[in-house]
Amino acid sequence: MTQKPRYKLTTDGLVNVVSGLGTGKGKRDHNRFVAGQLLECRELEAAYQTNWIARQIVDIPADDMTREWRTIKCQASDDIRQEEDRLNLQSCVNEALSWSRLYGGAAILPLTNQDLERPFQPEAIGRGGVQRLMVFDRWDLIPHAINTWDVLAENYLQPEFYTLYQGSQKIHWTHFIRFVGAKLPRRQRVLLQGWGDSQLRGVVRNSVFEAG
């Protein structure tokens, strides 16, 4: 039996490298870059779970940013430190940074006694007013009513509300502390409901799986 040749598809975004064959363009057209397809969350999760390079790309910067944490110098420094320990803030920030790098976005939701559908009022939070912190990745949050009408608003090109995946409770955007992934052009951010890009997208097909 004659062995069939093996072909490999590359997806680095550069087309018409030599002659334009297969692109619908002629030989005289210039080379150009096109946007690669967005990776699904399951593909990103598979890379993170099975490839040590992917895991390091995601986790090492997040660990470096939170390992030594911060030094608080003020009269209430001990109280602040105790409250951060109670809420496990350092670990929550580390997790949110990791998921923002993996998925392109994450958020921390402080749970208080305030109405989640109304704008968050931080000045109304007293000592112990934050009950706990919850970390979500961008795929946990379903956006509603993207603000494309008020360019002066803080959430321009971002949702007015979120609901949790398979949940029904509307949560005003001000209740979330957002962690946005890699920088994207404005039109791409609109397509991603205000989130950024995964740090793995540029390497997941070119180097991560090749080295795995």
Foldseek 3Di string as FASTA:
>chain_A
DDDDDDDDDDFLFKALPQARPPPPDGRPDDIDGDDGDADDLVLLVVLCVPFPVSVCQLQVVLCVDLVVNDDDDDPCRVVVVVVCVVQVVSVQSSVQSSLCQRAFKKKKFFDFPDQQLDADDVVPQDRCRGVYIDIGHLVQWAADCQACDDPPDPRHLAGQWIAGVVGDRTGGPNRIDMDGHDDDPPVVCSVSRNHGGHNCPNPSPPPRVVVD
